[in-house]
Amino acid sequence: MFIDILGFKIFNDSKEELIKYIEKFEKINLISGNPEILFNGLNDKLLNKCFKNDNSVIIPDGVGTVIASRLLKNPVKEKIAGIEVMKELLKKANLENKSIYLLGAKEEVIQKCAQNIENEFNNLNICGLHNGYFDLNNCNSIIKEIQEKKPWAIFIAMGCPRQEYFIEKYINKLPCKIFMGVGGSFDIFSGMSKRAPRWMISLGLEWLYRVIKEPWRIKRLTSIPKFLVKVLKYNS
């Protein structure tokens, strides 16, 4: 069910099996394991600890992670995009009348994101939300609200490593079952950004679509070859 990439356990089953696997946990931290995030985990002690916790599950999100698994001759069953996992969890929450909390992004983004989610999932209870502009070490009012609302899942869109720092700091203080850092997913749910066309996603070219739309992302792609070289060296 898992493969080892650079000392990190990467989930190696289908998205459907992942949703079932989540049920086994009292608390779970779902991590979108793209090369940039995993590379950061090698060089940041707090991230490394977070990624290796017993209640952390890293999903193979990113074509670079898929390529790495093939280089190791133990290919993952499929690339699992974080935003798709989030959507499956929203569906589950909707069917089972569970509540969620949204944390992160700009105020106008999170408000529109919440509105669109509520429009799509009629039985889903968004019990609270807050933008991502706050001090991680001085956010007692946010923590208190989440403790009082007791959401089943909390989705945190503050980018790596900030969202991971938040989870590592507060996971044991909050009553949520599911913690998930979702990066730019609120932008997509809000309609302010779009995912690549389905054909590009199926060909593993979502990264190219993002670079075309946001050329500044090209600098971040340098983490992929560095990551793959590390993978080869680590296992040589």
Protein backbone atom coordinates (compact mmCIF):
# COMPACT_ATOMS: atom_id res chain seq x y z
CA MET A 1 0.00 0.00 0.00
CA PHE A 2 3.04 2.27 0.35
CA ILE A 3 6.33 2.76 -1.43
CA ASP A 4 9.45 4.41 -0.08
CA ILE A 5 10.69 7.55 -1.84
CA LEU A 6 13.58 9.32 -0.09
CA GLY A 7 12.55 7.80 3.23
CA PHE A 8 8.95 9.00 2.88
CA LYS A 9 6.08 6.51 2.71
CA ILE A 10 3.99 7.33 -0.37
CA PHE A 11 0.47 5.92 -0.69
CA ASN A 12 0.37 3.39 -3.53
CA ASP A 13 -3.24 2.56 -4.23
CA SER A 14 -6.25 4.13 -5.90
CA LYS A 15 -8.02 7.31 -4.85
CA GLU A 16 -11.06 5.22 -3.89
CA GLU A 17 -8.93 3.04 -1.59
CA LEU A 18 -7.42 6.16 -0.04
CA ILE A 19 -10.86 7.41 0.99
CA LYS A 20 -11.55 4.01 2.61
CA TYR A 21 -8.13 3.97 4.27
CA ILE A 22 -8.80 7.35 5.91
CA GLU A 23 -11.56 5.75 8.00
CA LYS A 24 -8.96 3.78 9.98
CA PHE A 25 -7.59 6.92 11.59
CA GLU A 26 -8.76 8.89 14.58
CA LYS A 27 -6.84 11.82 13.09
CA ILE A 28 -5.12 11.96 9.73
CA ASN A 29 -2.93 14.51 7.98
CA LEU A 30 -3.19 14.17 4.21
CA ILE A 31 -0.12 15.53 2.42
CA SER A 32 0.04 16.21 -1.31
CA GLY A 33 3.43 14.72 -2.08
CA ASN A 34 4.62 16.56 -5.15
CA PRO A 35 8.40 16.85 -5.72
CA GLU A 36 8.61 20.39 -4.39
CA ILE A 37 6.90 19.50 -1.12
CA LEU A 38 8.89 16.27 -0.65
CA PHE A 39 12.13 18.10 -1.47
CA ASN A 40 11.24 20.68 1.18
CA GLY A 41 10.66 17.82 3.59
CA LEU A 42 14.25 16.69 3.15
CA ASN A 43 15.64 20.06 4.16
CA ASP A 44 13.25 21.17 6.89
CA LYS A 45 13.31 19.29 10.22
CA LEU A 46 9.76 20.24 11.16
CA LEU A 47 8.38 19.19 7.77
CA ASN A 48 10.39 15.96 7.89
CA LYS A 49 8.87 15.14 11.27
CA CYS A 50 5.40 16.07 10.04
CA PHE A 51 5.68 13.90 6.92
CA LYS A 52 6.88 10.88 8.92
CA ASN A 53 4.29 11.01 11.70
CA ASP A 54 2.20 7.88 12.13
CA ASN A 55 -0.97 9.81 11.32
CA SER A 56 0.43 11.38 8.14
CA VAL A 57 -0.37 9.93 4.72
CA ILE A 58 1.47 11.26 1.67
CA ILE A 59 -0.33 10.96 -1.65
CA PRO A 60 1.52 10.86 -5.01
CA ASP A 61 0.45 14.29 -6.25
CA GLY A 62 2.66 15.36 -9.13
CA VAL A 63 4.11 13.82 -12.27
CA GLY A 64 7.60 14.02 -10.73
CA THR A 65 6.54 11.72 -7.90
CA VAL A 66 5.06 9.30 -10.41
CA ILE A 67 8.31 9.34 -12.44
CA ALA A 68 10.32 8.76 -9.26
CA SER A 69 8.26 5.66 -8.45
CA ARG A 70 8.95 4.33 -11.95
CA LEU A 71 12.66 4.97 -11.60
CA LEU A 72 12.52 2.86 -8.45
CA LYS A 73 10.75 0.11 -10.43
CA ASN A 74 7.81 0.29 -8.04
CA PRO A 75 5.33 2.53 -9.87
CA VAL A 76 2.40 4.02 -7.99
CA LYS A 77 -1.00 2.85 -9.21
CA GLU A 78 -2.04 6.36 -10.13
CA LYS A 79 -1.27 10.02 -9.63
CA ILE A 80 -3.64 11.34 -6.97
CA ALA A 81 -4.21 15.08 -7.12
CA GLY A 82 -4.86 16.79 -3.82
CA ILE A 83 -7.77 18.78 -5.21
CA GLU A 84 -9.45 15.56 -6.34
CA VAL A 85 -9.07 14.08 -2.85
CA MET A 86 -10.55 17.25 -1.39
CA LYS A 87 -13.52 16.92 -3.74
CA GLU A 88 -14.06 13.28 -2.75
CA LEU A 89 -14.01 14.28 0.92
CA LEU A 90 -16.52 17.05 0.24
CA LYS A 91 -18.78 14.46 -1.43
CA LYS A 92 -18.44 12.18 1.59
CA ALA A 93 -19.16 15.02 4.01
CA ASN A 94 -22.21 15.96 1.94
CA LEU A 95 -23.59 12.41 1.93
CA GLU A 96 -22.95 11.88 5.63
CA ASN A 97 -23.97 15.37 6.81
CA LYS A 98 -20.52 16.14 8.18
CA SER A 99 -19.11 19.61 8.73
CA ILE A 100 -15.92 21.17 7.38
CA TYR A 101 -13.81 24.25 8.11
CA LEU A 102 -11.98 26.28 5.46
CA LEU A 103 -8.78 28.10 6.37
CA GLY A 104 -6.51 30.13 4.12
CA ALA A 105 -6.33 32.19 0.92
CA LYS A 106 -7.51 35.79 0.55
CA GLU A 107 -10.84 36.85 2.03
CA GLU A 108 -12.57 37.27 -1.33
CA VAL A 109 -11.26 33.87 -2.49
CA ILE A 110 -12.38 31.92 0.57
CA GLN A 111 -15.80 33.57 0.57
CA LYS A 112 -16.38 32.67 -3.09
CA CYS A 113 -14.92 29.20 -2.51
CA ALA A 114 -17.35 28.57 0.35
CA GLN A 115 -20.28 29.87 -1.70
CA ASN A 116 -19.50 27.59 -4.65
CA ILE A 117 -18.99 24.55 -2.42
CA GLU A 118 -22.33 25.17 -0.69
CA ASN A 119 -24.04 25.55 -4.07
CA GLU A 120 -22.66 22.20 -5.24
CA PHE A 121 -23.10 20.25 -1.99
CA ASN A 122 -26.49 21.06 -0.47
CA ASN A 123 -26.14 18.95 2.67
CA LEU A 124 -22.59 20.04 3.47
CA ASN A 125 -22.15 22.22 6.53
CA ILE A 126 -19.29 24.73 6.29
CA CYS A 127 -19.21 25.43 10.01
CA GLY A 128 -16.57 28.15 9.74
CA LEU A 129 -13.92 29.81 7.64
CA HIS A 130 -11.04 32.25 7.97
CA ASN A 131 -8.60 33.75 5.51
CA GLY A 132 -4.91 32.86 5.66
CA TYR A 133 -3.66 36.23 6.86
CA PHE A 134 -2.88 35.68 10.53
CA ASP A 135 0.06 34.92 12.83
CA LEU A 136 0.48 31.16 13.29
CA ASN A 137 1.75 31.77 16.80
CA ASN A 138 -1.00 34.19 17.77
CA CYS A 139 -4.30 32.81 16.49
CA ASN A 140 -6.12 31.74 19.66
CA SER A 141 -9.46 33.05 18.44
CA ILE A 142 -9.27 30.86 15.30
CA ILE A 143 -8.21 27.80 17.30
CA LYS A 144 -11.00 28.38 19.83
CA GLU A 145 -13.60 28.67 17.05
CA ILE A 146 -12.46 25.41 15.44
CA GLN A 147 -12.50 23.68 18.83
CA GLU A 148 -16.05 24.88 19.43
CA LYS A 149 -17.35 24.03 15.95
CA LYS A 150 -15.75 20.53 15.92
CA PRO A 151 -15.53 20.09 12.12
CA TRP A 152 -14.99 16.62 10.68
CA ALA A 153 -12.39 17.99 8.24
CA ILE A 154 -10.30 21.13 7.96
CA PHE A 155 -8.83 22.21 4.62
CA ILE A 156 -5.90 24.61 4.85
CA ALA A 157 -4.87 26.62 1.79
CA MET A 158 -1.77 28.54 2.79
CA GLY A 159 0.92 26.92 0.64
CA CYS A 160 3.87 24.81 1.74
CA PRO A 161 5.39 25.02 4.32
CA ARG A 162 2.98 27.37 6.13
CA GLN A 163 -0.03 25.07 5.97
CA GLU A 164 2.09 22.14 7.17
CA TYR A 165 3.48 24.23 10.03
CA PHE A 166 -0.08 25.03 11.09
CA ILE A 167 -1.10 21.38 11.03
CA GLU A 168 1.97 20.20 12.92
CA LYS A 169 1.45 22.88 15.57
CA TYR A 170 -2.27 22.39 16.13
CA ILE A 171 -3.27 18.88 15.04
CA ASN A 172 -3.38 17.59 18.61
CA LYS A 173 -5.26 20.66 19.87
CA LEU A 174 -8.09 20.50 17.33
CA PRO A 175 -10.98 17.99 17.24
CA CYS A 176 -10.97 17.44 13.45
CA LYS A 177 -10.52 13.94 12.03
CA ILE A 178 -9.08 15.08 8.70
CA PHE A 179 -6.40 17.73 8.22
CA MET A 180 -5.37 18.54 4.68
CA GLY A 181 -3.12 21.21 3.22
CA VAL A 182 -4.61 22.05 -0.16
CA GLY A 183 -2.36 24.79 -1.57
CA GLY A 184 -4.15 26.68 -4.34
CA SER A 185 -7.31 24.55 -4.34
CA PHE A 186 -9.48 27.36 -2.93
CA ASP A 187 -8.58 29.44 -5.99
CA ILE A 188 -9.96 26.69 -8.21
CA PHE A 189 -13.11 26.08 -6.15
CA SER A 190 -13.71 29.83 -6.12
CA GLY A 191 -13.52 29.93 -9.92
CA MET A 192 -10.66 32.42 -9.87
CA SER A 193 -8.31 29.80 -11.34
CA LYS A 194 -8.95 26.79 -13.55
CA ARG A 195 -7.45 23.32 -13.70
CA ALA A 196 -5.91 22.09 -16.91
CA PRO A 197 -8.20 20.45 -19.50
CA ARG A 198 -8.90 16.79 -18.78
CA TRP A 199 -6.70 15.63 -21.68
CA MET A 200 -3.68 17.48 -20.27
CA ILE A 201 -4.30 16.04 -16.81
CA SER A 202 -4.52 12.49 -18.21
CA LEU A 203 -1.22 12.99 -20.09
CA GLY A 204 0.53 14.30 -16.97
CA LEU A 205 0.80 17.81 -18.42
CA GLU A 206 -1.05 19.77 -15.75
CA TRP A 207 2.27 21.33 -14.72
CA LEU A 208 2.68 22.72 -18.25
CA TYR A 209 -0.79 24.28 -18.15
CA ARG A 210 0.06 25.96 -14.85
CA VAL A 211 3.32 27.35 -16.22
CA ILE A 212 1.55 28.72 -19.30
CA LYS A 213 -1.04 30.42 -17.09
CA GLU A 214 1.44 31.50 -14.40
CA PRO A 215 4.96 31.79 -15.92
CA TRP A 216 6.50 32.55 -12.51
CA ARG A 217 5.93 28.87 -11.64
CA ILE A 218 8.74 27.82 -13.98
CA LYS A 219 11.30 28.57 -11.25
CA ARG A 220 9.56 26.04 -9.00
CA LEU A 221 9.96 23.31 -11.63
CA THR A 222 13.70 23.18 -10.90
CA SER A 223 12.79 21.13 -7.83
CA ILE A 224 11.74 18.21 -10.08
CA PRO A 225 15.16 17.32 -11.60
CA LYS A 226 16.82 17.94 -8.21
CA PHE A 227 14.27 15.64 -6.64
CA LEU A 228 14.79 12.88 -9.22
CA VAL A 229 18.58 13.06 -8.85
CA LYS A 230 18.14 12.75 -5.08
CA VAL A 231 15.88 9.73 -5.56
CA LEU A 232 18.49 7.98 -7.74
CA LYS A 233 21.34 8.78 -5.35
CA TYR A 234 19.32 7.77 -2.29
CA ASN A 235 18.65 4.33 -3.74
CA SER A 236 22.02 3.72 -5.44
